[in-house]
């Protein structure tokens, strides 16, 4: 597991025969240098994320085992990341002390869109959630992304609300 955010064995199929140069795996401590910040910036504002902040957050997440599962897809021809998504596992008192998975930060590089990487990413995150005994997986998305997530097997459930705080500090 050295350098990986979580045990790679939780991802049962890491590549497909048609796209052998695209490898699915856990986030690694050195992925900042493989374009992780640039990939995330295609999703949202990454702020002043530096390699030292990345390493600090990675180590913090690593210190909380069985909680953070960030899956990336690496193009081994270019040694760059082309997709990423996060699964956060919440431990609950309800459901007999069950676990609920939360999917966040789904992004596919603009040059890799149309290859069904988003669908594969969601499949892998669901697979990881099942492998760590989550009783459900939930996610929030914009209205325009609802058809994609319905294609991935999700259905509308209630309503999301948010309360953003200005300029949160690390």
N, C-alpha and C. Protein backbone atom coordinates (compact mmCIF):
# COMPACT_ATOMS: atom_id res chain seq x y z
N UNK A 1 0.83 -1.19 0.00
CA UNK A 1 0.00 0.00 0.00
C UNK A 1 0.87 1.26 0.00
N UNK A 2 2.15 1.07 0.06
CA UNK A 2 3.12 2.17 0.14
C UNK A 2 2.80 3.30 -0.84
N UNK A 3 2.57 4.49 -0.33
CA UNK A 3 2.32 5.66 -1.17
C UNK A 3 0.90 5.80 -1.68
N UNK A 4 0.07 4.75 -1.52
CA UNK A 4 -1.32 4.80 -1.95
C UNK A 4 -2.20 5.30 -0.82
N UNK A 5 -3.28 5.97 -1.17
CA UNK A 5 -4.22 6.44 -0.16
C UNK A 5 -4.96 5.28 0.51
N UNK A 6 -5.19 4.21 -0.25
CA UNK A 6 -5.88 3.03 0.29
C UNK A 6 -5.38 1.79 -0.44
N UNK A 7 -5.81 0.66 0.00
CA UNK A 7 -5.38 -0.62 -0.56
C UNK A 7 -5.88 -0.79 -1.99
N UNK A 8 -4.98 -0.92 -2.96
CA UNK A 8 -5.39 -1.07 -4.37
C UNK A 8 -6.24 -2.30 -4.63
N UNK A 9 -6.19 -3.30 -3.75
CA UNK A 9 -6.98 -4.52 -3.95
C UNK A 9 -8.48 -4.25 -3.89
N UNK A 10 -8.88 -3.09 -3.37
CA UNK A 10 -10.30 -2.74 -3.35
C UNK A 10 -10.83 -2.42 -4.75
N UNK A 11 -9.94 -2.18 -5.70
CA UNK A 11 -10.31 -1.97 -7.10
C UNK A 11 -10.03 -3.28 -7.81
N UNK A 12 -11.09 -4.02 -8.16
CA UNK A 12 -10.88 -5.38 -8.67
C UNK A 12 -10.46 -5.44 -10.13
N UNK A 13 -10.82 -4.46 -10.93
CA UNK A 13 -10.35 -4.46 -12.33
C UNK A 13 -9.78 -3.08 -12.63
N UNK A 14 -8.47 -3.03 -12.80
CA UNK A 14 -7.81 -1.73 -12.91
C UNK A 14 -7.66 -1.21 -14.34
N UNK A 15 -7.91 -2.06 -15.34
CA UNK A 15 -7.86 -1.57 -16.73
C UNK A 15 -8.79 -2.42 -17.58
N UNK A 16 -9.06 -1.91 -18.77
CA UNK A 16 -9.89 -2.68 -19.70
C UNK A 16 -9.05 -3.05 -20.91
N UNK A 17 -9.39 -4.13 -21.58
CA UNK A 17 -8.60 -4.56 -22.74
C UNK A 17 -8.51 -3.50 -23.84
N UNK A 18 -9.56 -2.71 -24.01
CA UNK A 18 -9.58 -1.69 -25.05
C UNK A 18 -8.73 -0.48 -24.69
N UNK A 19 -8.51 -0.25 -23.42
CA UNK A 19 -7.79 0.94 -22.97
C UNK A 19 -6.72 0.56 -21.95
N UNK A 20 -5.81 -0.32 -22.34
CA UNK A 20 -4.82 -0.83 -21.40
C UNK A 20 -3.88 0.25 -20.87
N UNK A 21 -3.76 1.36 -21.60
CA UNK A 21 -2.88 2.45 -21.14
C UNK A 21 -3.56 3.32 -20.09
N UNK A 22 -4.84 3.07 -19.82
CA UNK A 22 -5.57 3.80 -18.78
C UNK A 22 -5.71 2.89 -17.57
N UNK A 23 -5.08 3.27 -16.48
CA UNK A 23 -5.03 2.42 -15.29
C UNK A 23 -5.75 3.11 -14.14
N UNK A 24 -6.70 2.39 -13.54
CA UNK A 24 -7.45 2.87 -12.38
C UNK A 24 -6.73 2.43 -11.12
N UNK A 25 -6.57 3.37 -10.18
CA UNK A 25 -5.82 3.07 -8.96
C UNK A 25 -6.13 4.10 -7.89
N UNK A 26 -5.68 3.84 -6.65
CA UNK A 26 -5.84 4.85 -5.59
C UNK A 26 -4.94 6.06 -5.85
N UNK A 27 -5.34 7.19 -5.33
CA UNK A 27 -4.49 8.38 -5.35
C UNK A 27 -3.18 8.07 -4.64
N UNK A 28 -2.08 8.62 -5.16
CA UNK A 28 -0.76 8.41 -4.57
C UNK A 28 -0.16 9.74 -4.13
N UNK A 29 0.77 9.64 -3.21
CA UNK A 29 1.43 10.82 -2.65
C UNK A 29 2.14 11.65 -3.72
N UNK A 30 2.56 11.04 -4.82
CA UNK A 30 3.28 11.78 -5.87
C UNK A 30 2.37 12.24 -7.02
N UNK A 31 1.06 12.12 -6.88
CA UNK A 31 0.15 12.47 -7.97
C UNK A 31 0.02 13.96 -8.23
N UNK A 32 0.45 14.77 -7.31
CA UNK A 32 0.44 16.21 -7.59
C UNK A 32 1.29 16.49 -8.83
N UNK A 33 2.36 15.72 -8.99
CA UNK A 33 3.26 15.89 -10.13
C UNK A 33 2.76 15.24 -11.41
N UNK A 34 1.61 14.59 -11.33
CA UNK A 34 1.02 13.97 -12.52
C UNK A 34 -0.23 14.73 -12.96
N UNK A 35 -0.33 16.00 -12.55
CA UNK A 35 -1.40 16.86 -13.03
C UNK A 35 -2.67 16.82 -12.21
N UNK A 36 -2.57 16.39 -10.94
CA UNK A 36 -3.80 16.29 -10.14
C UNK A 36 -4.47 17.65 -9.95
N UNK A 37 -3.70 18.67 -9.65
CA UNK A 37 -4.28 20.00 -9.46
C UNK A 37 -4.93 20.49 -10.75
N UNK A 38 -4.26 20.30 -11.87
CA UNK A 38 -4.81 20.74 -13.16
C UNK A 38 -6.10 19.99 -13.48
N UNK A 39 -6.14 18.70 -13.16
CA UNK A 39 -7.36 17.92 -13.38
C UNK A 39 -8.50 18.46 -12.53
N UNK A 40 -8.24 18.67 -11.24
CA UNK A 40 -9.29 19.19 -10.36
C UNK A 40 -9.74 20.59 -10.76
N UNK A 41 -8.85 21.37 -11.35
CA UNK A 41 -9.22 22.73 -11.76
C UNK A 41 -10.23 22.72 -12.90
N UNK A 42 -10.40 21.58 -13.58
CA UNK A 42 -11.44 21.47 -14.60
C UNK A 42 -12.81 21.24 -13.97
N UNK A 43 -12.81 20.99 -12.66
CA UNK A 43 -14.06 20.81 -11.92
C UNK A 43 -14.44 22.05 -11.15
N UNK A 44 -13.46 22.64 -10.45
CA UNK A 44 -13.73 23.78 -9.57
C UNK A 44 -12.44 24.52 -9.27
N UNK A 45 -12.57 25.56 -8.51
CA UNK A 45 -11.42 26.37 -8.10
C UNK A 45 -10.56 25.59 -7.12
N UNK A 46 -9.29 25.43 -7.43
CA UNK A 46 -8.38 24.71 -6.54
C UNK A 46 -7.62 25.65 -5.61
N UNK A 47 -7.85 26.94 -5.75
CA UNK A 47 -7.20 27.90 -4.87
C UNK A 47 -5.69 27.82 -4.96
N UNK A 48 -5.04 27.99 -3.84
CA UNK A 48 -3.58 28.01 -3.81
C UNK A 48 -3.02 26.65 -3.42
N UNK A 49 -3.58 25.59 -3.98
CA UNK A 49 -3.12 24.24 -3.67
C UNK A 49 -1.70 24.03 -4.20
N UNK A 50 -0.76 23.93 -3.29
CA UNK A 50 0.65 23.70 -3.64
C UNK A 50 0.97 22.23 -3.38
N UNK A 51 2.14 21.79 -3.80
CA UNK A 51 2.53 20.40 -3.55
C UNK A 51 2.65 20.13 -2.05
N UNK A 52 3.09 21.11 -1.27
CA UNK A 52 3.21 20.89 0.18
C UNK A 52 1.83 20.78 0.84
N UNK A 53 0.88 21.58 0.39
CA UNK A 53 -0.49 21.48 0.92
C UNK A 53 -1.10 20.14 0.51
N UNK A 54 -0.87 19.74 -0.75
CA UNK A 54 -1.36 18.45 -1.23
C UNK A 54 -0.81 17.32 -0.34
N UNK A 55 0.49 17.31 -0.10
CA UNK A 55 1.11 16.26 0.71
C UNK A 55 0.58 16.28 2.15
N UNK A 56 0.37 17.46 2.71
CA UNK A 56 -0.17 17.57 4.06
C UNK A 56 -1.59 16.96 4.11
N UNK A 57 -2.43 17.32 3.14
CA UNK A 57 -3.80 16.79 3.13
C UNK A 57 -3.79 15.29 2.86
N UNK A 58 -2.94 14.83 1.95
CA UNK A 58 -2.84 13.41 1.65
C UNK A 58 -2.47 12.63 2.92
N UNK A 59 -1.46 13.11 3.63
CA UNK A 59 -1.03 12.44 4.87
C UNK A 59 -2.11 12.47 5.93
N UNK A 60 -2.85 13.57 6.00
CA UNK A 60 -3.97 13.66 6.94
C UNK A 60 -5.04 12.62 6.60
N UNK A 61 -5.38 12.51 5.31
CA UNK A 61 -6.37 11.52 4.89
C UNK A 61 -5.87 10.10 5.14
N UNK A 62 -4.59 9.87 4.87
CA UNK A 62 -3.99 8.54 5.08
C UNK A 62 -4.03 8.13 6.54
N UNK A 63 -3.98 9.11 7.44
CA UNK A 63 -3.97 8.81 8.87
C UNK A 63 -5.35 8.42 9.40
N UNK A 64 -6.36 8.52 8.54
CA UNK A 64 -7.73 8.14 8.90
C UNK A 64 -8.14 6.93 8.07
N UNK A 65 -7.65 5.74 8.42
CA UNK A 65 -7.90 4.57 7.58
C UNK A 65 -9.39 4.27 7.43
N UNK A 66 -9.72 3.69 6.29
CA UNK A 66 -11.09 3.26 6.00
C UNK A 66 -12.08 4.42 5.92
N UNK A 67 -11.58 5.59 5.55
CA UNK A 67 -12.44 6.77 5.48
C UNK A 67 -12.40 7.43 4.10
N UNK A 68 -11.21 7.63 3.56
CA UNK A 68 -11.06 8.34 2.28
C UNK A 68 -10.58 7.39 1.19
N UNK A 69 -11.31 7.40 0.08
CA UNK A 69 -10.97 6.57 -1.07
C UNK A 69 -11.04 7.47 -2.31
N UNK A 70 -9.90 7.95 -2.74
CA UNK A 70 -9.85 8.76 -3.95
C UNK A 70 -9.26 7.89 -5.05
N UNK A 71 -10.05 7.70 -6.11
CA UNK A 71 -9.66 6.86 -7.24
C UNK A 71 -9.27 7.78 -8.38
N UNK A 72 -8.16 7.44 -9.04
CA UNK A 72 -7.72 8.19 -10.21
C UNK A 72 -7.52 7.23 -11.38
N UNK A 73 -7.55 7.80 -12.58
CA UNK A 73 -7.22 7.06 -13.79
C UNK A 73 -5.98 7.72 -14.37
N UNK A 74 -4.92 6.92 -14.52
CA UNK A 74 -3.68 7.44 -15.08
C UNK A 74 -3.51 6.95 -16.51
N UNK A 75 -3.19 7.88 -17.39
CA UNK A 75 -2.81 7.53 -18.75
C UNK A 75 -1.31 7.22 -18.70
N UNK A 76 -0.97 5.95 -18.81
CA UNK A 76 0.43 5.54 -18.66
C UNK A 76 1.28 5.93 -19.87
N UNK A 77 0.64 6.31 -20.98
CA UNK A 77 1.41 6.80 -22.13
C UNK A 77 1.98 8.19 -21.86
N UNK A 78 1.21 9.00 -21.11
CA UNK A 78 1.62 10.39 -20.84
C UNK A 78 1.99 10.62 -19.38
N UNK A 79 1.78 9.62 -18.53
CA UNK A 79 2.02 9.74 -17.08
C UNK A 79 1.24 10.91 -16.47
N UNK A 80 0.00 11.09 -16.93
CA UNK A 80 -0.86 12.13 -16.38
C UNK A 80 -2.19 11.52 -15.94
N UNK A 81 -2.83 12.20 -15.02
CA UNK A 81 -4.14 11.76 -14.53
C UNK A 81 -5.23 12.32 -15.43
N UNK A 82 -6.18 11.46 -15.80
CA UNK A 82 -7.25 11.88 -16.71
C UNK A 82 -8.63 11.79 -16.08
N UNK A 83 -8.72 11.24 -14.87
CA UNK A 83 -10.02 11.19 -14.17
C UNK A 83 -9.76 11.01 -12.69
N UNK A 84 -10.72 11.49 -11.89
CA UNK A 84 -10.61 11.35 -10.44
C UNK A 84 -11.99 11.46 -9.81
N UNK A 85 -12.15 10.75 -8.71
CA UNK A 85 -13.38 10.83 -7.93
C UNK A 85 -13.11 10.39 -6.51
N UNK A 86 -13.90 10.89 -5.58
CA UNK A 86 -13.69 10.62 -4.16
C UNK A 86 -14.89 9.90 -3.56
N UNK A 87 -14.58 8.99 -2.66
CA UNK A 87 -15.58 8.34 -1.83
C UNK A 87 -15.17 8.59 -0.39
N UNK A 88 -16.07 9.20 0.36
CA UNK A 88 -15.86 9.43 1.79
C UNK A 88 -16.82 8.51 2.52
N UNK A 89 -16.33 7.77 3.51
CA UNK A 89 -17.17 6.84 4.25
C UNK A 89 -17.51 7.43 5.61
N UNK A 90 -18.80 7.60 5.84
CA UNK A 90 -19.32 8.14 7.09
C UNK A 90 -19.80 6.99 7.97
N UNK A 91 -19.30 6.95 9.17
CA UNK A 91 -19.74 5.95 10.14
C UNK A 91 -20.95 6.51 10.90
N UNK A 92 -22.00 5.68 11.01
CA UNK A 92 -23.26 6.17 11.55
C UNK A 92 -23.69 5.35 12.77
N UNK A 93 -24.59 5.91 13.54
CA UNK A 93 -25.22 5.17 14.63
C UNK A 93 -26.46 4.44 14.11
N UNK A 94 -27.11 5.00 13.11
CA UNK A 94 -28.30 4.36 12.55
C UNK A 94 -27.89 3.15 11.71
N UNK A 95 -28.87 2.38 11.31
CA UNK A 95 -28.64 1.18 10.51
C UNK A 95 -27.68 0.22 11.20
N UNK A 96 -27.81 0.15 12.53
CA UNK A 96 -26.97 -0.77 13.29
C UNK A 96 -25.50 -0.40 13.28
N UNK A 97 -25.23 0.89 13.23
CA UNK A 97 -23.83 1.33 13.17
C UNK A 97 -23.25 1.17 11.78
N UNK A 98 -24.12 1.32 10.77
CA UNK A 98 -23.70 1.14 9.39
C UNK A 98 -22.81 2.26 8.85
N UNK A 99 -22.44 2.10 7.59
CA UNK A 99 -21.59 3.08 6.92
C UNK A 99 -22.29 3.57 5.65
N UNK A 100 -22.20 4.87 5.43
CA UNK A 100 -22.77 5.50 4.25
C UNK A 100 -21.63 6.09 3.42
N UNK A 101 -21.66 5.85 2.13
CA UNK A 101 -20.63 6.40 1.25
C UNK A 101 -21.11 7.70 0.61
N UNK A 102 -20.22 8.66 0.49
CA UNK A 102 -20.50 9.94 -0.16
C UNK A 102 -19.55 10.11 -1.32
N UNK A 103 -20.07 10.22 -2.53
CA UNK A 103 -19.23 10.44 -3.71
C UNK A 103 -19.13 11.93 -3.95
N UNK A 104 -17.91 12.37 -4.22
CA UNK A 104 -17.63 13.80 -4.43
C UNK A 104 -16.59 13.97 -5.54
N UNK A 105 -16.49 15.17 -6.04
CA UNK A 105 -15.39 15.63 -6.89
C UNK A 105 -15.10 14.72 -8.08
N UNK A 106 -16.14 14.41 -8.84
CA UNK A 106 -16.00 13.59 -10.04
C UNK A 106 -15.55 14.49 -11.19
N UNK A 107 -14.43 14.13 -11.80
CA UNK A 107 -13.92 14.92 -12.93
C UNK A 107 -13.20 14.02 -13.92
N UNK A 108 -13.46 14.27 -15.20
CA UNK A 108 -12.75 13.62 -16.30
C UNK A 108 -12.11 14.73 -17.12
N UNK A 109 -10.83 14.55 -17.43
CA UNK A 109 -10.10 15.55 -18.20
C UNK A 109 -10.83 15.82 -19.51
N UNK A 110 -10.89 17.08 -19.89
CA UNK A 110 -11.64 17.46 -21.10
C UNK A 110 -11.17 16.72 -22.34
N UNK A 111 -9.89 16.36 -22.41
CA UNK A 111 -9.38 15.64 -23.57
C UNK A 111 -9.67 14.14 -23.51
N UNK A 112 -10.20 13.66 -22.38
CA UNK A 112 -10.51 12.24 -22.24
C UNK A 112 -12.02 11.99 -22.16
N UNK A 113 -12.81 13.03 -22.34
CA UNK A 113 -14.26 12.86 -22.27
C UNK A 113 -14.76 12.10 -23.50
N UNK A 114 -15.84 11.37 -23.33
CA UNK A 114 -16.39 10.58 -24.42
C UNK A 114 -15.86 9.16 -24.45
N UNK A 115 -15.02 8.80 -23.50
CA UNK A 115 -14.45 7.45 -23.43
C UNK A 115 -15.13 6.60 -22.35
N UNK A 116 -16.23 7.10 -21.79
CA UNK A 116 -16.97 6.43 -20.71
C UNK A 116 -16.16 6.30 -19.42
N UNK A 117 -15.19 7.18 -19.23
CA UNK A 117 -14.39 7.14 -18.01
C UNK A 117 -15.22 7.56 -16.80
N UNK A 118 -16.13 8.50 -16.97
CA UNK A 118 -16.98 8.92 -15.86
C UNK A 118 -17.85 7.77 -15.36
N UNK A 119 -18.44 7.05 -16.29
CA UNK A 119 -19.26 5.89 -15.93
C UNK A 119 -18.41 4.84 -15.23
N UNK A 120 -17.24 4.57 -15.75
CA UNK A 120 -16.34 3.58 -15.13
C UNK A 120 -15.91 4.04 -13.73
N UNK A 121 -15.63 5.33 -13.58
CA UNK A 121 -15.23 5.87 -12.28
C UNK A 121 -16.33 5.66 -11.24
N UNK A 122 -17.57 5.94 -11.60
CA UNK A 122 -18.68 5.74 -10.67
C UNK A 122 -18.84 4.26 -10.34
N UNK A 123 -18.68 3.39 -11.33
CA UNK A 123 -18.75 1.95 -11.08
C UNK A 123 -17.69 1.53 -10.06
N UNK A 124 -16.47 2.04 -10.22
CA UNK A 124 -15.38 1.68 -9.31
C UNK A 124 -15.66 2.21 -7.90
N UNK A 125 -16.12 3.45 -7.80
CA UNK A 125 -16.42 4.02 -6.47
C UNK A 125 -17.54 3.24 -5.79
N UNK A 126 -18.55 2.82 -6.55
CA UNK A 126 -19.61 1.98 -5.99
C UNK A 126 -19.06 0.63 -5.54
N UNK A 127 -18.16 0.07 -6.34
CA UNK A 127 -17.52 -1.21 -6.00
C UNK A 127 -16.73 -1.08 -4.70
N UNK A 128 -15.97 -0.02 -4.56
CA UNK A 128 -15.21 0.21 -3.33
C UNK A 128 -16.16 0.36 -2.15
N UNK A 129 -17.24 1.12 -2.33
CA UNK A 129 -18.22 1.30 -1.25
C UNK A 129 -18.80 -0.03 -0.81
N UNK A 130 -19.13 -0.90 -1.75
CA UNK A 130 -19.64 -2.23 -1.39
C UNK A 130 -18.57 -3.03 -0.67
N UNK A 131 -17.33 -2.95 -1.16
CA UNK A 131 -16.24 -3.72 -0.56
C UNK A 131 -15.92 -3.30 0.86
N UNK A 132 -16.24 -2.06 1.22
CA UNK A 132 -16.00 -1.60 2.60
C UNK A 132 -17.29 -1.57 3.42
N UNK A 133 -18.33 -2.24 2.91
CA UNK A 133 -19.59 -2.48 3.62
C UNK A 133 -20.47 -1.26 3.82
N UNK A 134 -20.48 -0.34 2.86
CA UNK A 134 -21.45 0.76 2.92
C UNK A 134 -22.84 0.22 2.58
N UNK A 135 -23.87 0.68 3.27
CA UNK A 135 -25.23 0.24 2.96
C UNK A 135 -25.86 1.10 1.87
N UNK A 136 -25.24 2.27 1.57
CA UNK A 136 -25.73 3.12 0.48
C UNK A 136 -24.60 4.06 0.07
N UNK A 137 -24.77 4.63 -1.11
CA UNK A 137 -23.87 5.66 -1.61
C UNK A 137 -24.75 6.81 -2.08
N UNK A 138 -24.39 8.03 -1.68
CA UNK A 138 -25.13 9.21 -2.10
C UNK A 138 -24.17 10.20 -2.73
N UNK A 139 -24.74 11.12 -3.50
CA UNK A 139 -23.95 12.19 -4.09
C UNK A 139 -24.84 13.38 -4.38
N UNK A 140 -24.22 14.53 -4.51
CA UNK A 140 -24.91 15.75 -4.92
C UNK A 140 -24.42 16.09 -6.32
N UNK A 141 -25.31 16.63 -7.12
CA UNK A 141 -24.90 17.03 -8.47
C UNK A 141 -25.77 18.18 -8.95
N UNK A 142 -25.28 18.82 -9.99
CA UNK A 142 -26.06 19.89 -10.60
C UNK A 142 -27.17 19.27 -11.45
N UNK A 143 -28.18 20.06 -11.71
CA UNK A 143 -29.33 19.59 -12.49
C UNK A 143 -28.89 19.03 -13.85
N UNK A 144 -27.91 19.67 -14.47
CA UNK A 144 -27.47 19.22 -15.81
C UNK A 144 -26.79 17.85 -15.78
N UNK A 145 -26.30 17.41 -14.60
CA UNK A 145 -25.64 16.12 -14.50
C UNK A 145 -26.55 14.99 -14.05
N UNK A 146 -27.81 15.30 -13.76
CA UNK A 146 -28.76 14.28 -13.31
C UNK A 146 -28.87 13.13 -14.31
N UNK A 147 -29.02 13.36 -15.62
CA UNK A 147 -29.13 12.23 -16.55
C UNK A 147 -27.91 11.29 -16.52
N UNK A 148 -26.72 11.85 -16.37
CA UNK A 148 -25.52 11.02 -16.28
C UNK A 148 -25.58 10.10 -15.06
N UNK A 149 -25.91 10.67 -13.90
CA UNK A 149 -25.93 9.87 -12.68
C UNK A 149 -27.10 8.88 -12.68
N UNK A 150 -28.20 9.21 -13.34
CA UNK A 150 -29.28 8.23 -13.48
C UNK A 150 -28.80 7.05 -14.34
N UNK A 151 -28.01 7.34 -15.37
CA UNK A 151 -27.42 6.28 -16.21
C UNK A 151 -26.49 5.39 -15.38
N UNK A 152 -25.92 5.95 -14.32
CA UNK A 152 -25.03 5.20 -13.43
C UNK A 152 -25.79 4.45 -12.34
N UNK A 153 -27.12 4.53 -12.35
CA UNK A 153 -27.93 3.78 -11.39
C UNK A 153 -28.44 4.58 -10.20
N UNK A 154 -28.15 5.87 -10.16
CA UNK A 154 -28.63 6.71 -9.06
C UNK A 154 -30.02 7.22 -9.37
N UNK A 155 -30.78 7.55 -8.33
CA UNK A 155 -32.10 8.15 -8.51
C UNK A 155 -32.22 9.36 -7.60
N UNK A 156 -33.12 10.25 -7.99
CA UNK A 156 -33.34 11.45 -7.17
C UNK A 156 -33.87 11.06 -5.80
N UNK A 157 -33.37 11.75 -4.79
CA UNK A 157 -33.80 11.49 -3.41
C UNK A 157 -33.70 12.79 -2.65
N UNK A 158 -34.82 13.35 -2.29
CA UNK A 158 -34.89 14.55 -1.47
C UNK A 158 -34.16 15.74 -2.09
N UNK A 159 -33.51 16.56 -1.28
CA UNK A 159 -32.95 17.82 -1.75
C UNK A 159 -31.66 18.13 -1.03
N UNK A 160 -30.72 18.70 -1.74
CA UNK A 160 -29.45 19.10 -1.13
C UNK A 160 -29.51 20.59 -0.81
N UNK A 161 -28.89 20.95 0.28
CA UNK A 161 -28.77 22.36 0.65
C UNK A 161 -27.32 22.59 1.07
N UNK A 162 -26.87 23.82 1.01
CA UNK A 162 -25.48 24.13 1.36
C UNK A 162 -25.41 25.46 2.09
N UNK A 163 -24.40 25.60 2.92
CA UNK A 163 -24.10 26.83 3.59
C UNK A 163 -22.59 27.06 3.45
N UNK A 164 -22.20 27.85 2.47
CA UNK A 164 -20.78 28.09 2.20
C UNK A 164 -20.26 29.22 3.08
N UNK A 165 -19.05 29.05 3.57
CA UNK A 165 -18.39 30.06 4.37
C UNK A 165 -17.29 30.68 3.52
N UNK A 166 -17.14 31.97 3.60
CA UNK A 166 -16.15 32.66 2.76
C UNK A 166 -14.75 32.27 3.14
N UNK A 167 -13.93 32.05 2.14
CA UNK A 167 -12.50 31.88 2.27
C UNK A 167 -12.07 30.99 3.44
N UNK A 168 -12.53 29.72 3.47
CA UNK A 168 -12.13 28.85 4.59
C UNK A 168 -10.62 28.64 4.58
N UNK A 169 -10.04 28.59 5.75
CA UNK A 169 -8.59 28.40 5.91
C UNK A 169 -8.31 26.93 6.19
N UNK A 170 -7.15 26.47 5.79
CA UNK A 170 -6.74 25.08 6.07
C UNK A 170 -6.46 24.89 7.53
